[in-house]
Amino acid sequence: MRTARIEWSFLIALASGAVLAAEPPSVVNDSDAARTVRIQIPGAGRRAVEMYRYFDRDRPANASGFPVAARTLPPTDLAKGVTVELPSRGVAFLTTVAGN
């Protein structure tokens, strides 16, 4: 498992270990193999996080076809990190839940 320590200032962490600027924080797996990464965000504090996933067989949507969160994490210490499991060829977006 790879660990990426990023600022909460909107970065993309590639499963290969590269980090690129973007908004919101995202994890991209551009390989043919599944990957697991841990995202640590020093200074972000304890926050609830919603994860949106866009993979071939994992793309949650509502009845109208709009994306919905695949997972909502309870308040989590983001400095300690969030583990993200990624099937091949896709992206996961992390966002804090409104009101937290």
C-alpha atoms as a PDB file:
ATOM      1  CA  MET A   1       0.000   0.000   0.000  1.00  0.00           C
ATOM      2  CA  ARG A   2       1.287   3.456  -0.913  1.00  0.00           C
ATOM      3  CA  THR A   3       0.806   6.480   1.344  1.00  0.00           C
ATOM      4  CA  ALA A   4       0.411  10.001  -0.005  1.00  0.00           C
ATOM      5  CA  ARG A   5       0.616  12.937   2.382  1.00  0.00           C
ATOM      6  CA  ILE A   6      -1.124  15.892   0.777  1.00  0.00           C
ATOM      7  CA  GLU A   7      -2.318  19.320   1.758  1.00  0.00           C
ATOM      8  CA  TRP A   8      -6.086  19.793   1.749  1.00  0.00           C
ATOM      9  CA  SER A   9      -5.459  22.259  -1.081  1.00  0.00           C
ATOM     10  CA  PHE A  10      -6.998  20.115  -3.768  1.00  0.00           C
ATOM     11  CA  LEU A  11      -4.513  17.593  -5.087  1.00  0.00           C
ATOM     12  CA  ILE A  12      -4.714  14.410  -7.145  1.00  0.00           C
ATOM     13  CA  ALA A  13      -2.646  11.490  -5.873  1.00  0.00           C
ATOM     14  CA  LEU A  14      -1.967   8.876  -8.538  1.00  0.00           C
ATOM     15  CA  ALA A  15      -1.760   5.272  -7.391  1.00  0.00           C
ATOM     16  CA  SER A  16       1.726   5.260  -8.929  1.00  0.00           C
ATOM     17  CA  GLY A  17       2.766   7.813  -6.313  1.00  0.00           C
ATOM     18  CA  ALA A  18       2.728  10.991  -8.423  1.00  0.00           C
ATOM     19  CA  VAL A  19       0.774  13.974  -7.078  1.00  0.00           C
ATOM     20  CA  LEU A  20      -0.861  16.584  -9.351  1.00  0.00           C
ATOM     21  CA  ALA A  21      -2.906  19.731  -8.630  1.00  0.00           C
ATOM     22  CA  ALA A  22      -6.697  19.383  -8.916  1.00  0.00           C
ATOM     23  CA  GLU A  23      -9.956  19.940  -7.083  1.00  0.00           C
ATOM     24  CA  PRO A  24     -11.345  18.104  -5.052  1.00  0.00           C
ATOM     25  CA  PRO A  25      -8.761  15.666  -3.608  1.00  0.00           C
ATOM     26  CA  SER A  26      -8.779  12.637  -5.895  1.00  0.00           C
ATOM     27  CA  VAL A  27      -7.037   9.312  -6.298  1.00  0.00           C
ATOM     28  CA  VAL A  28      -6.506   7.978  -9.827  1.00  0.00           C
ATOM     29  CA  ASN A  29      -5.574   4.395 -10.649  1.00  0.00           C
ATOM     30  CA  ASP A  30      -4.373   4.398 -14.243  1.00  0.00           C
ATOM     31  CA  SER A  31      -3.028   0.841 -14.133  1.00  0.00           C
ATOM     32  CA  ASP A  32      -4.590  -2.498 -15.072  1.00  0.00           C
ATOM     33  CA  ALA A  33      -4.204  -3.772 -11.489  1.00  0.00           C
ATOM     34  CA  ALA A  34      -6.204  -2.909  -8.372  1.00  0.00           C
ATOM     35  CA  ARG A  35      -4.376  -0.652  -5.904  1.00  0.00           C
ATOM     36  CA  THR A  36      -4.780   0.445  -2.294  1.00  0.00           C
ATOM     37  CA  VAL A  37      -3.525   3.849  -1.184  1.00  0.00           C
ATOM     38  CA  ARG A  38      -3.650   5.764   2.079  1.00  0.00           C
ATOM     39  CA  ILE A  39      -4.267   9.506   1.844  1.00  0.00           C
ATOM     40  CA  GLN A  40      -3.015  11.588   4.770  1.00  0.00           C
ATOM     41  CA  ILE A  41      -3.907  15.274   4.978  1.00  0.00           C
ATOM     42  CA  PRO A  42      -1.941  17.004   7.761  1.00  0.00           C
ATOM     43  CA  GLY A  43      -3.812  19.878   9.376  1.00  0.00           C
ATOM     44  CA  ALA A  44      -7.214  18.886   7.955  1.00  0.00           C
ATOM     45  CA  GLY A  45      -8.445  17.794  11.380  1.00  0.00           C
ATOM     46  CA  ARG A  46     -11.236  15.386  12.127  1.00  0.00           C
ATOM     47  CA  ARG A  47     -13.871  15.457   9.391  1.00  0.00           C
ATOM     48  CA  ALA A  48     -16.565  13.339   7.845  1.00  0.00           C
ATOM     49  CA  VAL A  49     -15.690  12.445   4.259  1.00  0.00           C
ATOM     50  CA  GLU A  50     -17.789  11.331   1.297  1.00  0.00           C
ATOM     51  CA  MET A  51     -16.161   9.224  -1.416  1.00  0.00           C
ATOM     52  CA  TYR A  52     -17.374   9.222  -5.021  1.00  0.00           C
ATOM     53  CA  ARG A  53     -16.092   6.402  -7.240  1.00  0.00           C
ATOM     54  CA  TYR A  54     -15.887   6.147 -11.035  1.00  0.00           C
ATOM     55  CA  PHE A  55     -14.793   2.701 -12.207  1.00  0.00           C
ATOM     56  CA  ASP A  56     -16.106   0.372 -14.891  1.00  0.00           C
ATOM     57  CA  ARG A  57     -18.217  -1.709 -12.486  1.00  0.00           C
ATOM     58  CA  ASP A  58     -18.341   0.698  -9.539  1.00  0.00           C
ATOM     59  CA  ARG A  59     -20.101   3.971 -10.419  1.00  0.00           C
ATOM     60  CA  PRO A  60     -22.933   4.615  -7.924  1.00  0.00           C
ATOM     61  CA  ALA A  61     -25.755   6.812  -9.248  1.00  0.00           C
ATOM     62  CA  ASN A  62     -29.298   7.728  -8.270  1.00  0.00           C
ATOM     63  CA  ALA A  63     -32.408   6.895 -10.327  1.00  0.00           C
ATOM     64  CA  SER A  64     -31.756   9.941 -12.536  1.00  0.00           C
ATOM     65  CA  GLY A  65     -28.201   8.834 -13.268  1.00  0.00           C
ATOM     66  CA  PHE A  66     -26.490  11.471 -11.116  1.00  0.00           C
ATOM     67  CA  PRO A  67     -23.478  10.392  -9.022  1.00  0.00           C
ATOM     68  CA  VAL A  68     -24.015   9.574  -5.357  1.00  0.00           C
ATOM     69  CA  ALA A  69     -21.433   8.940  -2.675  1.00  0.00           C
ATOM     70  CA  ALA A  70     -20.213   5.350  -2.681  1.00  0.00           C
ATOM     71  CA  ARG A  71     -19.202   5.645   0.937  1.00  0.00           C
ATOM     72  CA  THR A  72     -19.544   8.150   3.778  1.00  0.00           C
ATOM     73  CA  LEU A  73     -16.918   7.946   6.483  1.00  0.00           C
ATOM     74  CA  PRO A  74     -17.748   9.137   9.995  1.00  0.00           C
ATOM     75  CA  PRO A  75     -15.535  11.923  11.364  1.00  0.00           C
ATOM     76  CA  THR A  76     -12.015  10.671  10.707  1.00  0.00           C
ATOM     77  CA  ASP A  77      -8.624  12.086  11.680  1.00  0.00           C
ATOM     78  CA  LEU A  78      -7.388  12.927   8.190  1.00  0.00           C
ATOM     79  CA  ALA A  79      -3.828  13.467   9.446  1.00  0.00           C
ATOM     80  CA  LYS A  80      -3.773   9.726  10.282  1.00  0.00           C
ATOM     81  CA  GLY A  81      -5.230   8.988   6.867  1.00  0.00           C
ATOM     82  CA  VAL A  82      -7.991   7.390   4.862  1.00  0.00           C
ATOM     83  CA  THR A  83      -7.451   4.095   3.037  1.00  0.00           C
ATOM     84  CA  VAL A  84      -8.843   4.035  -0.492  1.00  0.00           C
ATOM     85  CA  GLU A  85      -9.180   0.775  -2.444  1.00  0.00           C
ATOM     86  CA  LEU A  86      -9.142   1.288  -6.197  1.00  0.00           C
ATOM     87  CA  PRO A  87     -10.110  -1.204  -8.900  1.00  0.00           C
ATOM     88  CA  SER A  88      -8.176  -0.709 -12.135  1.00  0.00           C
ATOM     89  CA  ARG A  89      -8.629   2.250 -14.485  1.00  0.00           C
ATOM     90  CA  GLY A  90     -10.698   4.778 -12.559  1.00  0.00           C
ATOM     91  CA  VAL A  91     -10.843   7.581 -10.019  1.00  0.00           C
ATOM     92  CA  ALA A  92     -12.158   8.260  -6.514  1.00  0.00           C
ATOM     93  CA  PHE A  93     -12.981  11.784  -5.296  1.00  0.00           C
ATOM     94  CA  LEU A  94     -12.926  12.644  -1.582  1.00  0.00           C
ATOM     95  CA  THR A  95     -14.894  15.562  -0.186  1.00  0.00           C
ATOM     96  CA  THR A  96     -15.804  16.737   3.289  1.00  0.00           C
ATOM     97  CA  VAL A  97     -19.475  16.490   4.158  1.00  0.00           C
ATOM     98  CA  ALA A  98     -21.282  19.847   4.282  1.00  0.00           C
ATOM     99  CA  GLY A  99     -21.819  21.150   7.788  1.00  0.00           C
ATOM    100  CA  ASN A 100     -18.798  19.436   9.346  1.00  0.00           C
END
